[in-house]
N, C-alpha and C. Protein backbone atom coordinates (compact mmCIF):
# COMPACT_ATOMS: atom_id res chain seq x y z
N MET A 1 0.88 -1.25 0.00
CA MET A 1 0.04 -0.07 -0.04
C MET A 1 0.87 1.17 -0.01
N PRO A 2 0.68 2.17 -0.87
CA PRO A 2 1.51 3.35 -1.11
C PRO A 2 1.39 4.16 0.13
N ASN A 3 2.55 4.85 0.55
CA ASN A 3 2.55 5.80 1.65
C ASN A 3 2.37 7.06 1.03
N PRO A 4 1.20 7.85 1.28
CA PRO A 4 1.09 9.28 0.71
C PRO A 4 2.14 10.38 1.19
N GLN A 5 2.78 10.00 2.27
CA GLN A 5 3.77 11.00 2.86
C GLN A 5 5.05 10.90 2.12
N LEU A 6 5.31 9.80 1.38
CA LEU A 6 6.53 9.57 0.58
C LEU A 6 6.31 9.93 -0.87
N LYS A 7 7.05 10.87 -1.40
CA LYS A 7 6.90 11.35 -2.77
C LYS A 7 7.59 10.48 -3.77
N ASP A 8 8.56 9.80 -3.26
CA ASP A 8 9.46 9.00 -4.15
C ASP A 8 9.84 7.74 -3.43
N GLU A 9 8.86 6.66 -3.39
CA GLU A 9 9.02 5.48 -2.61
C GLU A 9 10.09 4.68 -3.08
N GLU A 10 10.43 4.58 -4.31
CA GLU A 10 11.52 3.85 -4.89
C GLU A 10 12.82 4.31 -4.19
N LEU A 11 13.15 5.60 -4.26
CA LEU A 11 14.40 6.15 -3.64
C LEU A 11 14.36 5.99 -2.17
N TYR A 12 13.20 6.03 -1.51
CA TYR A 12 13.06 5.77 0.03
C TYR A 12 13.63 4.35 0.27
N GLU A 13 13.01 3.41 -0.47
CA GLU A 13 13.45 2.19 -0.18
C GLU A 13 14.86 1.73 -0.35
N LYS A 14 15.44 2.36 -1.45
CA LYS A 14 16.88 2.20 -1.74
C LYS A 14 17.71 2.90 -0.56
N LEU A 15 17.36 4.00 -0.10
CA LEU A 15 18.08 4.51 1.08
C LEU A 15 17.95 3.82 2.27
N ARG A 16 16.78 3.24 2.61
CA ARG A 16 16.56 2.40 3.77
C ARG A 16 17.48 1.10 3.58
N GLU A 17 17.56 0.49 2.40
CA GLU A 17 18.44 -0.74 2.29
C GLU A 17 19.83 -0.43 2.45
N ALA A 18 20.33 0.93 2.19
CA ALA A 18 21.70 1.39 2.22
C ALA A 18 21.96 1.65 3.62
N GLY A 19 20.98 1.56 4.73
CA GLY A 19 21.21 1.84 5.99
C GLY A 19 20.81 3.27 6.58
N ASN A 20 20.08 3.94 5.77
CA ASN A 20 19.67 5.31 6.32
C ASN A 20 18.45 5.16 7.19
N SER A 21 18.30 6.11 8.15
CA SER A 21 17.17 5.97 8.98
C SER A 21 15.87 6.32 8.25
N LYS A 22 14.70 5.94 8.83
CA LYS A 22 13.43 6.13 8.13
C LYS A 22 13.21 7.75 7.89
N GLU A 23 13.69 8.59 8.93
CA GLU A 23 13.53 10.01 8.88
C GLU A 23 14.35 10.62 7.67
N LYS A 24 15.66 10.15 7.67
CA LYS A 24 16.55 10.63 6.63
C LYS A 24 16.15 10.28 5.26
N ALA A 25 15.70 8.91 5.12
CA ALA A 25 15.36 8.35 3.81
C ALA A 25 14.10 9.15 3.31
N ALA A 26 13.16 9.42 4.09
CA ALA A 26 12.00 10.19 3.83
C ALA A 26 12.30 11.64 3.45
N ARG A 27 13.04 12.23 4.14
CA ARG A 27 13.54 13.59 3.95
C ARG A 27 14.34 13.74 2.59
N ILE A 28 15.12 12.80 2.28
CA ILE A 28 15.87 12.81 1.03
C ILE A 28 15.09 12.50 -0.15
N SER A 29 14.18 11.52 -0.01
CA SER A 29 13.37 11.02 -1.05
C SER A 29 12.28 12.14 -1.42
N ASN A 30 11.62 12.86 -0.38
CA ASN A 30 10.78 13.75 -0.77
C ASN A 30 11.43 15.07 -1.35
N ALA A 31 12.69 15.45 -0.83
CA ALA A 31 13.28 16.57 -1.47
C ALA A 31 13.77 16.18 -2.90
N ALA A 32 14.12 14.98 -3.26
CA ALA A 32 14.40 14.51 -4.64
C ALA A 32 13.20 14.53 -5.44
N ALA A 33 12.10 14.18 -5.04
CA ALA A 33 10.87 14.37 -5.80
C ALA A 33 10.52 15.85 -6.17
N LYS A 34 10.71 16.64 -5.03
CA LYS A 34 10.42 18.16 -5.30
C LYS A 34 11.42 18.76 -6.23
N GLU A 35 12.76 18.55 -6.07
CA GLU A 35 13.72 19.36 -6.72
C GLU A 35 14.54 18.69 -7.71
N GLY A 36 14.33 17.36 -7.81
CA GLY A 36 15.05 16.51 -8.80
C GLY A 36 16.15 15.86 -8.03
N ARG A 37 16.56 14.69 -8.43
CA ARG A 37 17.44 13.85 -7.71
C ARG A 37 18.84 14.45 -7.76
N SER A 38 19.22 15.05 -9.05
CA SER A 38 20.49 15.52 -9.13
C SER A 38 20.82 16.71 -8.25
N ALA A 39 19.85 17.53 -8.03
CA ALA A 39 20.00 18.78 -7.17
C ALA A 39 20.19 18.33 -5.69
N VAL A 40 19.49 17.21 -5.26
CA VAL A 40 19.58 16.93 -3.94
C VAL A 40 21.01 16.15 -3.76
N GLY A 41 21.37 15.35 -4.70
CA GLY A 41 22.65 14.72 -4.65
C GLY A 41 23.87 15.56 -4.49
N GLU A 42 23.74 16.73 -5.15
CA GLU A 42 24.85 17.66 -5.12
C GLU A 42 25.07 18.33 -3.69
N ARG A 43 23.98 18.30 -2.82
CA ARG A 43 24.10 18.81 -1.55
C ARG A 43 24.94 18.07 -0.55
N GLY A 44 24.91 16.71 -0.75
CA GLY A 44 25.40 15.79 0.21
C GLY A 44 26.20 16.31 1.35
N GLY A 45 26.05 15.45 2.50
CA GLY A 45 26.70 15.87 3.79
C GLY A 45 28.12 15.51 3.86
N GLU A 46 28.75 15.91 5.09
CA GLU A 46 30.02 15.55 5.32
C GLU A 46 30.22 14.73 6.49
N ALA A 47 29.16 14.09 7.01
CA ALA A 47 29.15 13.20 8.08
C ALA A 47 29.91 11.92 7.93
N GLU A 48 30.59 11.42 8.84
CA GLU A 48 31.28 10.25 8.62
C GLU A 48 30.39 9.03 8.94
N ASP A 49 30.70 7.86 8.36
CA ASP A 49 29.89 6.67 8.46
C ASP A 49 29.83 6.37 10.13
N TYR A 50 28.65 5.72 10.52
CA TYR A 50 28.54 5.27 11.94
C TYR A 50 29.68 4.38 12.33
N GLU A 51 30.05 3.41 11.38
CA GLU A 51 31.04 2.48 11.66
C GLU A 51 32.41 3.05 11.92
N ASP A 52 32.63 4.25 11.49
CA ASP A 52 34.01 4.93 11.76
C ASP A 52 33.88 5.77 13.00
N ARG A 53 32.93 5.90 13.62
CA ARG A 53 32.66 6.69 14.91
C ARG A 53 33.00 5.65 16.15
N THR A 54 33.40 6.43 17.26
CA THR A 54 33.57 5.66 18.56
C THR A 54 32.15 5.39 19.09
N VAL A 55 32.13 4.54 20.21
CA VAL A 55 30.94 4.29 20.94
C VAL A 55 30.53 5.61 21.62
N GLU A 56 31.38 6.35 22.00
CA GLU A 56 31.10 7.64 22.76
C GLU A 56 30.33 8.55 21.71
N GLN A 57 30.87 8.68 20.65
CA GLN A 57 30.33 9.53 19.51
C GLN A 57 29.00 9.11 19.07
N LEU A 58 28.77 7.72 19.13
CA LEU A 58 27.49 7.18 18.81
C LEU A 58 26.48 7.57 19.90
N ARG A 59 26.88 7.48 21.02
CA ARG A 59 26.05 7.76 22.24
C ARG A 59 25.56 9.21 22.19
N ASP A 60 26.55 10.04 21.85
CA ASP A 60 26.36 11.36 21.85
C ASP A 60 25.18 11.66 20.75
N ARG A 61 25.44 11.05 19.56
CA ARG A 61 24.40 11.15 18.42
C ARG A 61 23.08 10.76 18.97
N ALA A 62 22.93 9.60 19.61
CA ALA A 62 21.76 9.23 20.10
C ALA A 62 21.07 10.22 20.98
N ARG A 63 21.84 10.83 21.87
CA ARG A 63 21.40 11.76 22.92
C ARG A 63 20.94 12.88 22.06
N GLU A 64 21.59 13.43 21.00
CA GLU A 64 21.07 14.45 20.22
C GLU A 64 19.73 14.27 19.55
N LEU A 65 19.49 12.99 19.13
CA LEU A 65 18.34 12.58 18.49
C LEU A 65 17.12 12.46 19.61
N GLY A 66 17.63 12.39 20.88
CA GLY A 66 16.41 12.16 21.80
C GLY A 66 16.09 10.78 22.03
N LEU A 67 17.05 9.80 21.63
CA LEU A 67 16.76 8.41 21.81
C LEU A 67 17.00 7.98 23.29
N HIS A 68 16.33 6.85 23.76
CA HIS A 68 16.40 6.42 25.07
C HIS A 68 16.87 4.96 25.04
N GLY A 69 17.47 4.32 26.05
CA GLY A 69 17.93 3.04 26.22
C GLY A 69 19.10 2.68 25.40
N TYR A 70 20.06 3.60 25.25
CA TYR A 70 21.21 3.22 24.36
C TYR A 70 22.48 3.11 25.18
N SER A 71 22.51 3.51 26.48
CA SER A 71 23.67 3.50 27.29
C SER A 71 24.43 2.26 27.54
N ASP A 72 23.76 1.16 27.48
CA ASP A 72 24.33 -0.23 27.65
C ASP A 72 24.47 -0.95 26.39
N LEU A 73 24.20 -0.39 25.22
CA LEU A 73 24.35 -1.10 23.96
C LEU A 73 25.72 -1.08 23.45
N ARG A 74 26.02 -2.23 22.71
CA ARG A 74 27.25 -2.36 22.06
C ARG A 74 27.27 -1.61 20.82
N LYS A 75 28.37 -1.34 20.27
CA LYS A 75 28.59 -0.41 19.11
C LYS A 75 27.60 -0.90 17.91
N ASP A 76 27.55 -2.19 17.50
CA ASP A 76 26.63 -2.67 16.41
C ASP A 76 25.17 -2.40 16.80
N GLU A 77 24.82 -2.61 18.02
CA GLU A 77 23.40 -2.23 18.55
C GLU A 77 23.08 -0.86 18.47
N LEU A 78 24.11 0.07 18.74
CA LEU A 78 23.91 1.42 18.72
C LEU A 78 23.62 2.03 17.27
N ILE A 79 24.45 1.37 16.48
CA ILE A 79 24.38 1.85 14.98
C ILE A 79 23.02 1.40 14.50
N LYS A 80 22.53 0.28 14.82
CA LYS A 80 21.13 -0.28 14.43
C LYS A 80 20.05 0.60 14.98
N LYS A 81 20.20 0.95 16.21
CA LYS A 81 19.07 1.83 16.82
C LYS A 81 19.11 3.24 16.18
N LEU A 82 20.34 3.77 15.85
CA LEU A 82 20.46 5.14 15.22
C LEU A 82 19.78 5.05 13.87
N ARG A 83 20.08 3.94 13.24
CA ARG A 83 19.51 3.80 11.75
C ARG A 83 18.03 3.59 11.72
N ASN A 84 17.46 3.04 12.71
CA ASN A 84 16.15 2.68 12.64
C ASN A 84 15.22 3.37 13.69
N HIS A 85 15.68 4.55 14.05
CA HIS A 85 14.79 5.41 14.92
C HIS A 85 13.56 6.03 14.33
């Protein structure tokens, strides 16, 4: 069943499969539908991959996002939680 909040569901699914959070995938896919994929792709961010960050950095990011229950998680669990919030 199509989601009316997603303007480019194909791109959304590709972004989710690549490990992006639901929020980020929706934001990018909707912007791409509005402005065109090439325009959105040129903006790209400078953030490093979660795998390259320390556990402390991942916990800081979880705190920034307002997530709960992350303090006892291992690195791989933290990454999963960040990507699926």
